[in-house]
Amino acid sequence: MSDFLVLRVIAKLLIPFILLFGFYVQMHGDYGPGGGFQAGVIVAAAFILYAIVFDVGTARRVVPIEVLVAIACLGVLLFASVGVTNLLYGGRFLEYGVLSQDATHGNHVGIIIIEIGVGMAVAAVMMIIFFSFARKR
């Protein structure tokens, strides 16, 4: 795709905005539509666009598979650790109210942490799936 200068320039302009929108969806997910899954897919789409336009080999050097596996595992670990923390504080597995003195604040904190973990795991797994099927030139 090195011949398509316009496509490369437009991709360079769009990718930061796609990432910014993904982070917005991540952080706005507990107040409105969105959340970790949607944000993870949007962030992964930005990296996949980068891989399609600039070459899969370059994208693999930017985000190696080992890093993606670590991010996916960290996201799942973050999700599970919130549940285990709730159990340690005397609540049920994903009963966030026990995370703070005020149940409403505990619910807010728990949901944000869970959604960040889901976003990390989904983005990493989507990129792993893409790189597994993408052909390196």
Protein backbone atom coordinates (compact mmCIF):
# COMPACT_ATOMS: atom_id res chain seq x y z
CA MET A 1 0.00 0.00 0.00
CA SER A 2 2.99 2.29 -0.24
CA ASP A 3 1.67 3.66 -3.54
CA PHE A 4 -1.47 5.10 -1.97
CA LEU A 5 -0.19 8.35 -0.48
CA VAL A 6 -3.64 9.82 0.17
CA LEU A 7 -4.72 6.70 2.05
CA ARG A 8 -1.61 6.79 4.23
CA VAL A 9 -2.06 10.49 5.06
CA ILE A 10 -5.76 10.07 5.88
CA ALA A 11 -4.98 7.05 8.06
CA LYS A 12 -2.32 9.03 9.93
CA LEU A 13 -4.89 11.75 10.54
CA LEU A 14 -7.72 9.39 11.57
CA ILE A 15 -5.93 6.91 13.83
CA PRO A 16 -5.38 9.38 16.74
CA PHE A 17 -9.04 10.40 16.60
CA ILE A 18 -10.17 6.76 16.51
CA LEU A 19 -8.05 6.05 19.58
CA LEU A 20 -9.37 9.15 21.33
CA PHE A 21 -12.94 8.10 20.58
CA GLY A 22 -12.17 4.61 21.92
CA PHE A 23 -10.89 6.07 25.18
CA TYR A 24 -13.94 8.32 25.38
CA VAL A 25 -16.27 5.33 24.95
CA GLN A 26 -14.26 3.50 27.63
CA MET A 27 -14.55 6.24 30.20
CA HIS A 28 -18.12 7.23 29.33
CA GLY A 29 -19.41 3.66 29.47
CA ASP A 30 -20.75 3.79 33.02
CA TYR A 31 -22.72 6.99 32.31
CA GLY A 32 -24.19 6.15 28.92
CA PRO A 33 -23.87 3.82 25.95
CA GLY A 34 -20.48 2.25 25.59
CA GLY A 35 -18.09 0.48 27.85
CA GLY A 36 -15.16 -1.87 27.78
CA PHE A 37 -16.22 -4.14 24.95
CA GLN A 38 -17.12 -1.35 22.55
CA ALA A 39 -14.01 0.63 23.44
CA GLY A 40 -11.79 -2.41 23.01
CA VAL A 41 -13.15 -3.03 19.53
CA ILE A 42 -12.68 0.64 18.56
CA VAL A 43 -9.08 0.71 19.83
CA ALA A 44 -8.33 -2.57 18.06
CA ALA A 45 -9.85 -1.17 14.86
CA ALA A 46 -7.36 1.72 14.97
CA PHE A 47 -4.41 -0.67 15.17
CA ILE A 48 -5.90 -2.93 12.50
CA LEU A 49 -6.31 0.09 10.20
CA TYR A 50 -2.66 0.89 10.85
CA ALA A 51 -1.70 -2.69 9.95
CA ILE A 52 -3.75 -2.69 6.77
CA VAL A 53 -2.47 0.66 5.52
CA PHE A 54 1.17 0.56 6.65
CA ASP A 55 1.92 -3.21 6.53
CA VAL A 56 1.27 -6.02 8.95
CA GLY A 57 4.98 -6.48 9.68
CA THR A 58 5.28 -2.87 10.79
CA ALA A 59 2.21 -3.19 13.00
CA ARG A 60 3.61 -6.35 14.57
CA ARG A 61 6.77 -4.44 15.45
CA VAL A 62 4.69 -1.62 16.95
CA VAL A 63 2.60 -4.03 19.05
CA PRO A 64 4.27 -7.45 19.33
CA ILE A 65 2.12 -10.52 19.99
CA GLU A 66 3.85 -11.06 23.35
CA VAL A 67 2.74 -7.62 24.51
CA LEU A 68 -0.81 -8.27 23.31
CA VAL A 69 -0.97 -11.56 25.20
CA ALA A 70 0.29 -9.80 28.33
CA ILE A 71 -2.32 -7.05 27.96
CA ALA A 72 -5.11 -9.59 27.43
CA CYS A 73 -4.03 -11.53 30.52
CA LEU A 74 -3.74 -8.33 32.54
CA GLY A 75 -7.27 -7.32 31.53
CA VAL A 76 -8.72 -10.67 32.61
CA LEU A 77 -6.67 -10.52 35.81
CA LEU A 78 -8.01 -7.03 36.54
CA PHE A 79 -11.59 -8.24 36.04
CA ALA A 80 -11.06 -11.28 38.28
CA SER A 81 -9.20 -9.33 40.96
CA VAL A 82 -12.17 -7.01 41.45
CA GLY A 83 -14.39 -10.03 42.01
CA VAL A 84 -11.95 -11.63 44.44
CA THR A 85 -11.52 -8.33 46.27
CA ASN A 86 -15.29 -8.18 46.71
CA LEU A 87 -15.21 -11.69 48.19
CA LEU A 88 -12.42 -10.69 50.59
CA TYR A 89 -14.46 -7.71 51.77
CA GLY A 90 -17.43 -9.95 52.53
CA GLY A 91 -19.56 -9.33 49.45
CA ARG A 92 -20.49 -11.50 46.50
CA PHE A 93 -18.17 -12.00 43.51
CA LEU A 94 -19.12 -8.87 41.53
CA GLU A 95 -21.00 -6.95 44.20
CA TYR A 96 -19.16 -3.66 43.96
CA GLY A 97 -20.88 -1.90 46.86
CA VAL A 98 -18.42 -3.34 49.37
CA LEU A 99 -15.46 -1.60 47.72
CA SER A 100 -16.21 1.67 49.52
CA GLN A 101 -17.99 2.99 52.60
CA ASP A 102 -20.68 4.35 50.30
CA ALA A 103 -22.27 1.64 48.14
CA THR A 104 -22.87 4.05 45.26
CA HIS A 105 -19.21 5.07 45.18
CA GLY A 106 -18.15 1.42 45.44
CA ASN A 107 -20.37 0.52 42.49
CA HIS A 108 -18.86 3.35 40.43
CA VAL A 109 -15.26 2.34 41.22
CA GLY A 110 -15.93 -1.34 40.62
CA ILE A 111 -17.63 -0.77 37.28
CA ILE A 112 -14.84 1.49 36.03
CA ILE A 113 -12.16 -1.06 36.95
CA ILE A 114 -14.13 -3.92 35.40
CA GLU A 115 -14.72 -1.97 32.18
CA ILE A 116 -11.03 -1.08 31.89
CA GLY A 117 -10.14 -4.76 32.25
CA VAL A 118 -12.72 -5.78 29.64
CA GLY A 119 -11.50 -3.06 27.26
CA MET A 120 -7.89 -4.18 27.58
CA ALA A 121 -8.76 -7.84 27.06
CA VAL A 122 -11.06 -7.23 24.09
CA ALA A 123 -8.65 -4.89 22.29
CA ALA A 124 -5.73 -7.27 22.75
CA VAL A 125 -7.68 -10.38 21.71
CA MET A 126 -9.10 -8.65 18.63
CA MET A 127 -5.58 -7.67 17.55
CA ILE A 128 -4.26 -11.18 18.28
CA ILE A 129 -7.01 -12.66 16.09
CA PHE A 130 -6.22 -10.20 13.30
CA PHE A 131 -2.47 -10.86 13.44
CA SER A 132 -3.12 -14.60 13.49
CA PHE A 133 -4.94 -14.41 10.17
CA ALA A 134 -3.00 -11.55 8.57
CA ARG A 135 -0.24 -12.49 6.23
CA LYS A 136 3.18 -11.01 6.74
CA ARG A 137 4.84 -9.87 3.50
